């Protein structure tokens, strides 16, 4: 059954009804079709972009396209959020996901997209059910699509991070994404008036990014199960603890608490120095994790802006932290 979307009176936004398919929809190609599975029902959404949730563009959509369009034309993006809110009648079998099509991009990022829509005025018919689905995603992972739900949640929920040495790839990236997602869940939990113990839990988990901050290098770094940082450590190594990027890129993945990151680095002056360093470090790299130069690395080289990889999603927001830190002209 396809959900129905209706315009709310007197406002340029929409209202979501929760659908009940067994699994999330697939996105097809440039004709902007979404095909449910099963029973493969199809409806058309008029987008200017092709395949919004393919692996190569989903993070751009999640972090940039959807937030901007929600600000300027909220109702136009209601279908995207309908697509994402695939909560079955039996919530216990649900797994909310941002990437049903593959496993390349990590993170339980349906939380950030849906909460962003909610706080910007997109009405959800059943916020309680949405919340239950998001909570379920913090404790489960799809049996075949590891980007659905949270791979490594057992470690993350107990230790406050996904360890480097437990054979879960891109563990630091997962930890940073999960922490941001938990902050997003915390926002809905407050609106729902959830018990204080539950609010405290997600507020605490939102700070889990601090568990990976290495004071010596002032960079995010993979951490072993025993609490020690992984070694040897090269901030130029792509992949491994990170996803299609390196520590210079992912250190800035604290979208919800930039002041906290500034404090960890020793204040605004040190923070700005670290931002500058991204451009000062030559576009050198370690591609040993991949065994080849992936296109994101080559693009960074061609851009020749130090280790800033403007063509790569994990760091594209970094330059705007100059604005927050008080030197906006550098952005």
C-alpha atoms as a PDB file:
ATOM      1  CA  UNK A   1       0.000   0.000   0.000  1.00  0.00           C
ATOM      2  CA  UNK A   2       1.449   3.353  -0.996  1.00  0.00           C
ATOM      3  CA  UNK A   3       1.322   6.145   1.554  1.00  0.00           C
ATOM      4  CA  UNK A   4      -0.663   9.219   0.804  1.00  0.00           C
ATOM      5  CA  UNK A   5       0.668  12.735   1.069  1.00  0.00           C
ATOM      6  CA  UNK A   6      -1.496  15.753   1.602  1.00  0.00           C
ATOM      7  CA  UNK A   7      -0.736  19.438   1.876  1.00  0.00           C
ATOM      8  CA  UNK A   8      -1.302  20.894   5.329  1.00  0.00           C
ATOM      9  CA  UNK A   9      -3.631  23.915   5.281  1.00  0.00           C
ATOM     10  CA  UNK A  10      -1.910  27.264   5.330  1.00  0.00           C
ATOM     11  CA  UNK A  11       1.671  26.045   5.109  1.00  0.00           C
ATOM     12  CA  UNK A  12       4.064  24.966   2.402  1.00  0.00           C
ATOM     13  CA  UNK A  13       4.695  21.534   3.765  1.00  0.00           C
ATOM     14  CA  UNK A  14       3.107  18.129   3.738  1.00  0.00           C
ATOM     15  CA  UNK A  15       1.861  15.395   5.977  1.00  0.00           C
ATOM     16  CA  UNK A  16       3.211  11.871   5.960  1.00  0.00           C
ATOM     17  CA  UNK A  17       1.264   8.664   6.353  1.00  0.00           C
ATOM     18  CA  UNK A  18       3.358   5.640   7.260  1.00  0.00           C
ATOM     19  CA  UNK A  19       3.387   2.880   4.618  1.00  0.00           C
ATOM     20  CA  UNK A  20       3.591  -0.811   5.342  1.00  0.00           C
ATOM     21  CA  UNK A  21       5.808  -2.587   2.787  1.00  0.00           C
ATOM     22  CA  UNK A  22       8.026  -5.396   4.015  1.00  0.00           C
ATOM     23  CA  UNK A  23      11.150  -3.724   2.703  1.00  0.00           C
ATOM     24  CA  UNK A  24      12.194  -0.278   1.539  1.00  0.00           C
ATOM     25  CA  UNK A  25      11.647   0.884  -1.981  1.00  0.00           C
ATOM     26  CA  UNK A  26      14.237   0.732  -4.721  1.00  0.00           C
ATOM     27  CA  UNK A  27      15.199   3.787  -6.717  1.00  0.00           C
ATOM     28  CA  UNK A  28      15.431   3.339 -10.434  1.00  0.00           C
ATOM     29  CA  UNK A  29      17.243   5.484 -12.958  1.00  0.00           C
ATOM     30  CA  UNK A  30      16.800   8.902 -14.506  1.00  0.00           C
ATOM     31  CA  UNK A  31      13.006   8.676 -14.712  1.00  0.00           C
ATOM     32  CA  UNK A  32      12.868   9.132 -10.911  1.00  0.00           C
ATOM     33  CA  UNK A  33      10.769   6.068 -10.236  1.00  0.00           C
ATOM     34  CA  UNK A  34      10.523   4.307  -6.892  1.00  0.00           C
ATOM     35  CA  UNK A  35       9.621   0.630  -7.040  1.00  0.00           C
ATOM     36  CA  UNK A  36       8.412  -1.094  -3.891  1.00  0.00           C
ATOM     37  CA  UNK A  37       9.402  -4.674  -3.160  1.00  0.00           C
ATOM     38  CA  UNK A  38       7.279  -6.691  -2.918  1.00  0.00           C
ATOM     39  CA  UNK A  39       4.776  -6.237  -4.619  1.00  0.00           C
ATOM     40  CA  UNK A  40       6.846  -3.950  -6.884  1.00  0.00           C
ATOM     41  CA  UNK A  41       4.374  -1.125  -6.880  1.00  0.00           C
ATOM     42  CA  UNK A  42       5.669   1.967  -8.632  1.00  0.00           C
ATOM     43  CA  UNK A  43       4.906   5.638  -8.312  1.00  0.00           C
ATOM     44  CA  UNK A  44       6.548   8.595  -9.975  1.00  0.00           C
ATOM     45  CA  UNK A  45       8.157  11.547  -8.226  1.00  0.00           C
ATOM     46  CA  UNK A  46       9.215  14.591 -10.210  1.00  0.00           C
ATOM     47  CA  UNK A  47      12.851  15.239  -9.366  1.00  0.00           C
ATOM     48  CA  UNK A  48      15.498  17.104 -11.278  1.00  0.00           C
ATOM     49  CA  UNK A  49      18.092  14.509 -10.371  1.00  0.00           C
ATOM     50  CA  UNK A  50      18.596  10.884 -11.242  1.00  0.00           C
ATOM     51  CA  UNK A  51      18.586   8.000  -8.786  1.00  0.00           C
ATOM     52  CA  UNK A  52      18.713  10.073  -5.607  1.00  0.00           C
ATOM     53  CA  UNK A  53      19.551   7.186  -3.333  1.00  0.00           C
ATOM     54  CA  UNK A  54      22.141   5.344  -5.381  1.00  0.00           C
ATOM     55  CA  UNK A  55      25.338   4.656  -3.442  1.00  0.00           C
ATOM     56  CA  UNK A  56      27.333   7.363  -5.176  1.00  0.00           C
ATOM     57  CA  UNK A  57      24.967  10.244  -4.431  1.00  0.00           C
ATOM     58  CA  UNK A  58      23.018   9.317  -1.311  1.00  0.00           C
ATOM     59  CA  UNK A  59      25.326  11.198   1.070  1.00  0.00           C
ATOM     60  CA  UNK A  60      25.079  14.306  -1.083  1.00  0.00           C
ATOM     61  CA  UNK A  61      21.316  13.974  -0.882  1.00  0.00           C
ATOM     62  CA  UNK A  62      21.292  13.357   2.874  1.00  0.00           C
ATOM     63  CA  UNK A  63      23.653  16.167   3.838  1.00  0.00           C
ATOM     64  CA  UNK A  64      23.051  18.810   1.219  1.00  0.00           C
ATOM     65  CA  UNK A  65      20.220  18.465  -1.275  1.00  0.00           C
ATOM     66  CA  UNK A  66      17.402  17.470   1.082  1.00  0.00           C
ATOM     67  CA  UNK A  67      18.241  20.000   3.838  1.00  0.00           C
ATOM     68  CA  UNK A  68      18.390  22.858   1.322  1.00  0.00           C
ATOM     69  CA  UNK A  69      15.240  21.919  -0.515  1.00  0.00           C
ATOM     70  CA  UNK A  70      13.392  21.439   2.753  1.00  0.00           C
ATOM     71  CA  UNK A  71      14.120  25.075   3.488  1.00  0.00           C
ATOM     72  CA  UNK A  72      12.976  26.438   0.138  1.00  0.00           C
ATOM     73  CA  UNK A  73      10.271  24.008  -1.016  1.00  0.00           C
ATOM     74  CA  UNK A  74       9.358  21.614   1.751  1.00  0.00           C
ATOM     75  CA  UNK A  75       6.284  20.079   0.129  1.00  0.00           C
ATOM     76  CA  UNK A  76       8.216  19.109  -2.989  1.00  0.00           C
ATOM     77  CA  UNK A  77      10.374  16.818  -0.906  1.00  0.00           C
ATOM     78  CA  UNK A  78       7.649  15.026   1.026  1.00  0.00           C
ATOM     79  CA  UNK A  79       7.809  12.006  -1.349  1.00  0.00           C
ATOM     80  CA  UNK A  80      11.459  11.463  -0.445  1.00  0.00           C
ATOM     81  CA  UNK A  81      10.581  11.224   3.200  1.00  0.00           C
ATOM     82  CA  UNK A  82       7.613   8.987   2.468  1.00  0.00           C
ATOM     83  CA  UNK A  83      10.096   6.705   0.721  1.00  0.00           C
ATOM     84  CA  UNK A  84      12.344   6.665   3.754  1.00  0.00           C
ATOM     85  CA  UNK A  85       9.676   6.067   6.386  1.00  0.00           C
ATOM     86  CA  UNK A  86       9.207   2.402   5.527  1.00  0.00           C
ATOM     87  CA  UNK A  87       7.909   1.254   8.914  1.00  0.00           C
ATOM     88  CA  UNK A  88       5.876  -1.953   8.722  1.00  0.00           C
ATOM     89  CA  UNK A  89       2.836  -2.567  10.883  1.00  0.00           C
ATOM     90  CA  UNK A  90       5.105  -4.859  12.886  1.00  0.00           C
ATOM     91  CA  UNK A  91       7.726  -2.316  13.934  1.00  0.00           C
ATOM     92  CA  UNK A  92       9.900  -5.028  15.456  1.00  0.00           C
ATOM     93  CA  UNK A  93      10.707  -6.261  11.958  1.00  0.00           C
ATOM     94  CA  UNK A  94      11.544  -2.812  10.643  1.00  0.00           C
ATOM     95  CA  UNK A  95      14.924  -1.430   9.778  1.00  0.00           C
ATOM     96  CA  UNK A  96      15.068   2.174   8.644  1.00  0.00           C
ATOM     97  CA  UNK A  97      17.797   2.829   6.153  1.00  0.00           C
ATOM     98  CA  UNK A  98      19.238   5.460   3.871  1.00  0.00           C
ATOM     99  CA  UNK A  99      20.728   3.035   1.384  1.00  0.00           C
ATOM    100  CA  UNK A 100      18.683  -0.017   0.412  1.00  0.00           C
ATOM    101  CA  UNK A 101      20.603  -0.363  -2.829  1.00  0.00           C
ATOM    102  CA  UNK A 102      24.063  -1.191  -1.522  1.00  0.00           C
ATOM    103  CA  UNK A 103      26.620  -1.144   1.263  1.00  0.00           C
ATOM    104  CA  UNK A 104      29.183   1.479   0.276  1.00  0.00           C
ATOM    105  CA  UNK A 105      28.086   4.388   2.465  1.00  0.00           C
ATOM    106  CA  UNK A 106      27.878   3.733   6.195  1.00  0.00           C
ATOM    107  CA  UNK A 107      25.680   5.252   8.862  1.00  0.00           C
ATOM    108  CA  UNK A 108      22.086   4.963  10.040  1.00  0.00           C
ATOM    109  CA  UNK A 109      21.288   8.196   8.244  1.00  0.00           C
ATOM    110  CA  UNK A 110      17.554   7.862   7.797  1.00  0.00           C
ATOM    111  CA  UNK A 111      17.484   9.333  11.311  1.00  0.00           C
ATOM    112  CA  UNK A 112      19.154  12.564  10.206  1.00  0.00           C
ATOM    113  CA  UNK A 113      17.053  12.969   7.067  1.00  0.00           C
ATOM    114  CA  UNK A 114      13.734  12.245   8.761  1.00  0.00           C
ATOM    115  CA  UNK A 115      14.386  14.325  11.841  1.00  0.00           C
ATOM    116  CA  UNK A 116      15.571  17.198   9.653  1.00  0.00           C
ATOM    117  CA  UNK A 117      12.275  17.053   7.798  1.00  0.00           C
ATOM    118  CA  UNK A 118      10.291  16.849  11.025  1.00  0.00           C
ATOM    119  CA  UNK A 119      11.920  19.847  12.705  1.00  0.00           C
ATOM    120  CA  UNK A 120      11.488  21.892   9.516  1.00  0.00           C
ATOM    121  CA  UNK A 121       7.740  21.407   9.522  1.00  0.00           C
ATOM    122  CA  UNK A 122       7.003  18.186   7.628  1.00  0.00           C
ATOM    123  CA  UNK A 123       4.206  16.618   9.648  1.00  0.00           C
ATOM    124  CA  UNK A 124       4.332  12.923  10.448  1.00  0.00           C
ATOM    125  CA  UNK A 125       0.974  11.266  11.059  1.00  0.00           C
ATOM    126  CA  UNK A 126       2.395   8.851  13.608  1.00  0.00           C
ATOM    127  CA  UNK A 127       5.546  10.220  15.210  1.00  0.00           C
ATOM    128  CA  UNK A 128       5.541   7.505  17.852  1.00  0.00           C
ATOM    129  CA  UNK A 129       5.799   4.775  15.232  1.00  0.00           C
ATOM    130  CA  UNK A 130       8.517   6.653  13.390  1.00  0.00           C
ATOM    131  CA  UNK A 131      10.450   6.956  16.641  1.00  0.00           C
ATOM    132  CA  UNK A 132      10.100   3.234  17.350  1.00  0.00           C
ATOM    133  CA  UNK A 133      11.459   2.488  13.899  1.00  0.00           C
ATOM    134  CA  UNK A 134      14.458   4.738  14.454  1.00  0.00           C
ATOM    135  CA  UNK A 135      15.143   3.147  17.839  1.00  0.00           C
ATOM    136  CA  UNK A 136      14.927  -0.298  16.287  1.00  0.00           C
ATOM    137  CA  UNK A 137      17.572   0.759  13.782  1.00  0.00           C
ATOM    138  CA  UNK A 138      19.998   1.504  16.614  1.00  0.00           C
ATOM    139  CA  UNK A 139      19.969  -2.122  17.732  1.00  0.00           C
ATOM    140  CA  UNK A 140      19.742  -4.055  14.487  1.00  0.00           C
ATOM    141  CA  UNK A 141      21.353  -4.531  11.098  1.00  0.00           C
ATOM    142  CA  UNK A 142      19.896  -5.978   7.910  1.00  0.00           C
ATOM    143  CA  UNK A 143      20.986  -9.608   7.374  1.00  0.00           C
ATOM    144  CA  UNK A 144      22.277  -8.968   3.853  1.00  0.00           C
ATOM    145  CA  UNK A 145      22.585  -5.180   3.435  1.00  0.00           C
ATOM    146  CA  UNK A 146      25.008  -4.032   6.109  1.00  0.00           C
ATOM    147  CA  UNK A 147      24.354  -0.326   5.517  1.00  0.00           C
ATOM    148  CA  UNK A 148      20.786  -0.851   6.735  1.00  0.00           C
ATOM    149  CA  UNK A 149      20.542  -0.359  10.466  1.00  0.00           C
ATOM    150  CA  UNK A 150      23.823  -0.282  12.383  1.00  0.00           C
ATOM    151  CA  UNK A 151      26.591  -2.763  11.794  1.00  0.00           C
ATOM    152  CA  UNK A 152      28.588  -3.019  15.023  1.00  0.00           C
ATOM    153  CA  UNK A 153      25.771  -1.708  17.210  1.00  0.00           C
ATOM    154  CA  UNK A 154      26.605  -4.224  19.925  1.00  0.00           C
ATOM    155  CA  UNK A 155      30.025  -2.621  20.414  1.00  0.00           C
ATOM    156  CA  UNK A 156      28.861   0.933  19.851  1.00  0.00           C
ATOM    157  CA  UNK A 157      26.049   0.720  22.394  1.00  0.00           C
ATOM    158  CA  UNK A 158      28.342  -0.829  25.021  1.00  0.00           C
ATOM    159  CA  UNK A 159      31.709   0.863  24.443  1.00  0.00           C
ATOM    160  CA  UNK A 160      30.633   4.115  22.826  1.00  0.00           C
ATOM    161  CA  UNK A 161      32.431   3.317  19.562  1.00  0.00           C
ATOM    162  CA  UNK A 162      32.830   0.569  16.978  1.00  0.00           C
ATOM    163  CA  UNK A 163      36.297  -0.920  17.593  1.00  0.00           C
ATOM    164  CA  UNK A 164      38.970  -1.049  14.935  1.00  0.00           C
ATOM    165  CA  UNK A 165      40.060  -4.605  15.713  1.00  0.00           C
ATOM    166  CA  UNK A 166      36.786  -6.552  15.573  1.00  0.00           C
ATOM    167  CA  UNK A 167      36.725  -7.057  11.795  1.00  0.00           C
ATOM    168  CA  UNK A 168      34.125  -4.376  11.100  1.00  0.00           C
ATOM    169  CA  UNK A 169      35.406  -2.188   8.316  1.00  0.00           C
ATOM    170  CA  UNK A 170      35.188   1.606   8.334  1.00  0.00           C
ATOM    171  CA  UNK A 171      34.545   1.520  12.064  1.00  0.00           C
ATOM    172  CA  UNK A 172      35.535   5.106  12.879  1.00  0.00           C
ATOM    173  CA  UNK A 173      33.252   6.454  10.169  1.00  0.00           C
ATOM    174  CA  UNK A 174      30.404   4.345  11.550  1.00  0.00           C
ATOM    175  CA  UNK A 175      30.993   5.669  15.064  1.00  0.00           C
ATOM    176  CA  UNK A 176      30.938   9.291  13.927  1.00  0.00           C
ATOM    177  CA  UNK A 177      27.796   8.796  11.838  1.00  0.00           C
ATOM    178  CA  UNK A 178      25.996   6.896  14.608  1.00  0.00           C
ATOM    179  CA  UNK A 179      26.768   9.654  17.125  1.00  0.00           C
ATOM    180  CA  UNK A 180      25.200  12.268  14.867  1.00  0.00           C
ATOM    181  CA  UNK A 181      22.222  10.006  14.218  1.00  0.00           C
ATOM    182  CA  UNK A 182      21.765   9.561  17.972  1.00  0.00           C
ATOM    183  CA  UNK A 183      21.672  13.332  18.411  1.00  0.00           C
ATOM    184  CA  UNK A 184      18.909  13.439  15.800  1.00  0.00           C
ATOM    185  CA  UNK A 185      16.953  10.719  17.607  1.00  0.00           C
ATOM    186  CA  UNK A 186      17.395  12.705  20.810  1.00  0.00           C
ATOM    187  CA  UNK A 187      15.543  15.641  19.230  1.00  0.00           C
ATOM    188  CA  UNK A 188      12.423  13.552  18.573  1.00  0.00           C
ATOM    189  CA  UNK A 189      12.704  11.880  21.977  1.00  0.00           C
ATOM    190  CA  UNK A 190      12.485  15.301  23.630  1.00  0.00           C
ATOM    191  CA  UNK A 191       9.414  16.263  21.602  1.00  0.00           C
ATOM    192  CA  UNK A 192       7.727  12.991  22.538  1.00  0.00           C
ATOM    193  CA  UNK A 193       8.465  13.536  26.212  1.00  0.00           C
ATOM    194  CA  UNK A 194      10.282  10.238  26.547  1.00  0.00           C
ATOM    195  CA  UNK A 195      11.536   9.199  30.028  1.00  0.00           C
ATOM    196  CA  UNK A 196      14.575  11.095  31.309  1.00  0.00           C
ATOM    197  CA  UNK A 197      16.671   7.928  31.356  1.00  0.00           C
ATOM    198  CA  UNK A 198      16.034   7.487  27.642  1.00  0.00           C
ATOM    199  CA  UNK A 199      16.801  11.145  26.898  1.00  0.00           C
ATOM    200  CA  UNK A 200      20.042  10.891  28.844  1.00  0.00           C
ATOM    201  CA  UNK A 201      21.041   7.777  26.900  1.00  0.00           C
ATOM    202  CA  UNK A 202      20.787   9.399  23.477  1.00  0.00           C
ATOM    203  CA  UNK A 203      22.250  12.683  24.679  1.00  0.00           C
ATOM    204  CA  UNK A 204      25.254  10.722  25.940  1.00  0.00           C
ATOM    205  CA  UNK A 205      25.588   8.665  22.768  1.00  0.00           C
ATOM    206  CA  UNK A 206      25.538  11.846  20.707  1.00  0.00           C
ATOM    207  CA  UNK A 207      28.870  12.681  22.361  1.00  0.00           C
ATOM    208  CA  UNK A 208      30.475   9.375  21.352  1.00  0.00           C
ATOM    209  CA  UNK A 209      32.491  11.182  18.695  1.00  0.00           C
ATOM    210  CA  UNK A 210      34.774  12.281  21.546  1.00  0.00           C
ATOM    211  CA  UNK A 211      35.833   8.670  22.069  1.00  0.00           C
ATOM    212  CA  UNK A 212      37.770   8.722  18.791  1.00  0.00           C
ATOM    213  CA  UNK A 213      39.477  12.089  19.189  1.00  0.00           C
ATOM    214  CA  UNK A 214      43.239  11.716  19.545  1.00  0.00           C
ATOM    215  CA  UNK A 215      44.600  14.645  21.552  1.00  0.00           C
ATOM    216  CA  UNK A 216      48.134  14.129  20.239  1.00  0.00           C
ATOM    217  CA  UNK A 217      47.252  14.518  16.563  1.00  0.00           C
ATOM    218  CA  UNK A 218      44.015  16.465  17.075  1.00  0.00           C
ATOM    219  CA  UNK A 219      42.410  14.056  14.608  1.00  0.00           C
ATOM    220  CA  UNK A 220      39.836  11.268  14.720  1.00  0.00           C
ATOM    221  CA  UNK A 221      41.445   7.858  14.919  1.00  0.00           C
ATOM    222  CA  UNK A 222      40.301   4.249  15.060  1.00  0.00           C
ATOM    223  CA  UNK A 223      40.299   2.725  18.529  1.00  0.00           C
ATOM    224  CA  UNK A 224      40.754  -0.902  19.544  1.00  0.00           C
ATOM    225  CA  UNK A 225      38.383  -2.830  21.761  1.00  0.00           C
ATOM    226  CA  UNK A 226      40.764  -2.472  24.728  1.00  0.00           C
ATOM    227  CA  UNK A 227      40.496   1.331  24.571  1.00  0.00           C
ATOM    228  CA  UNK A 228      43.859   2.000  22.946  1.00  0.00           C
ATOM    229  CA  UNK A 229      44.099   3.802  19.619  1.00  0.00           C
ATOM    230  CA  UNK A 230      44.982   1.667  16.626  1.00  0.00           C
ATOM    231  CA  UNK A 231      48.603   1.799  15.451  1.00  0.00           C
ATOM    232  CA  UNK A 232      50.366   2.568  13.250  1.00  0.00           C
ATOM    233  CA  UNK A 233      48.254   5.575  12.355  1.00  0.00           C
ATOM    234  CA  UNK A 234      48.436   7.588   9.150  1.00  0.00           C
ATOM    235  CA  UNK A 235      45.920  10.412   8.686  1.00  0.00           C
ATOM    236  CA  UNK A 236      46.556  10.059   4.947  1.00  0.00           C
ATOM    237  CA  UNK A 237      45.240   6.488   4.747  1.00  0.00           C
ATOM    238  CA  UNK A 238      41.981   6.250   2.844  1.00  0.00           C
ATOM    239  CA  UNK A 239      39.394   3.669   3.843  1.00  0.00           C
ATOM    240  CA  UNK A 240      40.329   1.266   6.635  1.00  0.00           C
ATOM    241  CA  UNK A 241      38.766   3.011   9.654  1.00  0.00           C
ATOM    242  CA  UNK A 242      37.008   5.477   7.358  1.00  0.00           C
ATOM    243  CA  UNK A 243      34.749   5.382   4.305  1.00  0.00           C
ATOM    244  CA  UNK A 244      36.104   6.711   1.016  1.00  0.00           C
ATOM    245  CA  UNK A 245      38.151   9.278   2.886  1.00  0.00           C
ATOM    246  CA  UNK A 246      40.833   9.649   5.538  1.00  0.00           C
ATOM    247  CA  UNK A 247      41.197  11.110   9.014  1.00  0.00           C
ATOM    248  CA  UNK A 248      41.748  14.619   7.637  1.00  0.00           C
ATOM    249  CA  UNK A 249      38.285  14.340   6.112  1.00  0.00           C
ATOM    250  CA  UNK A 250      36.331  12.601   8.861  1.00  0.00           C
ATOM    251  CA  UNK A 251      37.679  14.585  11.792  1.00  0.00           C
ATOM    252  CA  UNK A 252      35.079  17.244  10.944  1.00  0.00           C
ATOM    253  CA  UNK A 253      32.117  14.856  11.055  1.00  0.00           C
ATOM    254  CA  UNK A 254      30.634  16.393  14.182  1.00  0.00           C
ATOM    255  CA  UNK A 255      27.681  18.123  12.550  1.00  0.00           C
ATOM    256  CA  UNK A 256      25.727  18.503  15.779  1.00  0.00           C
ATOM    257  CA  UNK A 257      28.406  19.824  18.125  1.00  0.00           C
ATOM    258  CA  UNK A 258      31.014  21.994  16.370  1.00  0.00           C
ATOM    259  CA  UNK A 259      31.707  23.868  19.600  1.00  0.00           C
ATOM    260  CA  UNK A 260      32.505  20.570  21.278  1.00  0.00           C
ATOM    261  CA  UNK A 261      35.017  19.800  18.519  1.00  0.00           C
ATOM    262  CA  UNK A 262      36.523  23.281  18.867  1.00  0.00           C
ATOM    263  CA  UNK A 263      36.948  22.678  22.598  1.00  0.00           C
ATOM    264  CA  UNK A 264      38.617  19.310  22.003  1.00  0.00           C
ATOM    265  CA  UNK A 265      41.142  20.949  19.692  1.00  0.00           C
ATOM    266  CA  UNK A 266      42.001  23.587  22.251  1.00  0.00           C
ATOM    267  CA  UNK A 267      39.906  26.548  21.173  1.00  0.00           C
ATOM    268  CA  UNK A 268      39.076  28.517  18.046  1.00  0.00           C
ATOM    269  CA  UNK A 269      42.666  29.408  17.165  1.00  0.00           C
ATOM    270  CA  UNK A 270      43.792  25.768  17.168  1.00  0.00           C
ATOM    271  CA  UNK A 271      40.612  24.742  15.406  1.00  0.00           C
ATOM    272  CA  UNK A 272      41.227  27.179  12.566  1.00  0.00           C
ATOM    273  CA  UNK A 273      44.852  26.049  12.351  1.00  0.00           C
ATOM    274  CA  UNK A 274      43.632  22.489  11.877  1.00  0.00           C
ATOM    275  CA  UNK A 275      41.178  23.618   9.202  1.00  0.00           C
ATOM    276  CA  UNK A 276      44.034  25.433   7.440  1.00  0.00           C
ATOM    277  CA  UNK A 277      46.167  22.311   7.683  1.00  0.00           C
ATOM    278  CA  UNK A 278      43.768  20.374   5.474  1.00  0.00           C
ATOM    279  CA  UNK A 279      44.743  22.711   2.642  1.00  0.00           C
ATOM    280  CA  UNK A 280      48.407  22.920   3.649  1.00  0.00           C
ATOM    281  CA  UNK A 281      49.027  19.158   3.574  1.00  0.00           C
ATOM    282  CA  UNK A 282      49.905  18.174  -0.033  1.00  0.00           C
ATOM    283  CA  UNK A 283      47.415  15.939  -1.921  1.00  0.00           C
ATOM    284  CA  UNK A 284      49.331  12.802  -0.994  1.00  0.00           C
ATOM    285  CA  UNK A 285      47.593   9.626   0.067  1.00  0.00           C
ATOM    286  CA  UNK A 286      47.824   6.018   1.164  1.00  0.00           C
ATOM    287  CA  UNK A 287      45.577   3.797  -0.953  1.00  0.00           C
ATOM    288  CA  UNK A 288      46.770   0.465   0.475  1.00  0.00           C
ATOM    289  CA  UNK A 289      43.331  -0.368   1.893  1.00  0.00           C
ATOM    290  CA  UNK A 290      41.802  -0.286  -1.579  1.00  0.00           C
ATOM    291  CA  UNK A 291      44.829  -1.540  -3.489  1.00  0.00           C
ATOM    292  CA  UNK A 292      44.197   1.059  -6.164  1.00  0.00           C
ATOM    293  CA  UNK A 293      43.622   4.766  -6.638  1.00  0.00           C
ATOM    294  CA  UNK A 294      39.867   5.172  -6.336  1.00  0.00           C
ATOM    295  CA  UNK A 295      38.251   8.013  -8.238  1.00  0.00           C
ATOM    296  CA  UNK A 296      37.770  10.142  -5.121  1.00  0.00           C
ATOM    297  CA  UNK A 297      41.525  10.121  -4.528  1.00  0.00           C
ATOM    298  CA  UNK A 298      42.242  11.030  -8.143  1.00  0.00           C
ATOM    299  CA  UNK A 299      39.763  13.880  -7.955  1.00  0.00           C
ATOM    300  CA  UNK A 300      41.522  15.227  -4.868  1.00  0.00           C
ATOM    301  CA  UNK A 301      44.815  15.171  -6.741  1.00  0.00           C
ATOM    302  CA  UNK A 302      43.357  16.950  -9.748  1.00  0.00           C
ATOM    303  CA  UNK A 303      41.762  19.641  -7.601  1.00  0.00           C
ATOM    304  CA  UNK A 304      45.183  20.217  -6.002  1.00  0.00           C
ATOM    305  CA  UNK A 305      43.786  21.922  -2.897  1.00  0.00           C
ATOM    306  CA  UNK A 306      45.926  20.031  -0.431  1.00  0.00           C
ATOM    307  CA  UNK A 307      44.075  17.167   1.243  1.00  0.00           C
ATOM    308  CA  UNK A 308      40.728  18.889   0.801  1.00  0.00           C
ATOM    309  CA  UNK A 309      38.619  16.658  -1.443  1.00  0.00           C
ATOM    310  CA  UNK A 310      35.819  18.909  -2.630  1.00  0.00           C
ATOM    311  CA  UNK A 311      34.410  16.170  -4.853  1.00  0.00           C
ATOM    312  CA  UNK A 312      33.971  13.812  -1.913  1.00  0.00           C
ATOM    313  CA  UNK A 313      31.021  13.913   0.475  1.00  0.00           C
ATOM    314  CA  UNK A 314      32.723  13.331   3.867  1.00  0.00           C
ATOM    315  CA  UNK A 315      34.508  16.694   3.814  1.00  0.00           C
ATOM    316  CA  UNK A 316      32.309  18.963   1.719  1.00  0.00           C
ATOM    317  CA  UNK A 317      30.833  20.680   4.778  1.00  0.00           C
ATOM    318  CA  UNK A 318      34.239  21.375   6.316  1.00  0.00           C
ATOM    319  CA  UNK A 319      34.850  24.766   4.732  1.00  0.00           C
ATOM    320  CA  UNK A 320      31.719  26.192   6.328  1.00  0.00           C
ATOM    321  CA  UNK A 321      33.191  25.522   9.754  1.00  0.00           C
ATOM    322  CA  UNK A 322      35.339  28.590   9.038  1.00  0.00           C
ATOM    323  CA  UNK A 323      32.118  30.577   9.339  1.00  0.00           C
ATOM    324  CA  UNK A 324      31.339  29.029  12.690  1.00  0.00           C
ATOM    325  CA  UNK A 325      34.891  29.577  13.939  1.00  0.00           C
ATOM    326  CA  UNK A 326      34.915  33.263  13.085  1.00  0.00           C
ATOM    327  CA  UNK A 327      36.874  33.450   9.802  1.00  0.00           C
ATOM    328  CA  UNK A 328      34.111  33.189   7.188  1.00  0.00           C
ATOM    329  CA  UNK A 329      36.192  34.746   4.409  1.00  0.00           C
ATOM    330  CA  UNK A 330      38.195  31.536   4.211  1.00  0.00           C
ATOM    331  CA  UNK A 331      35.094  29.598   3.234  1.00  0.00           C
END
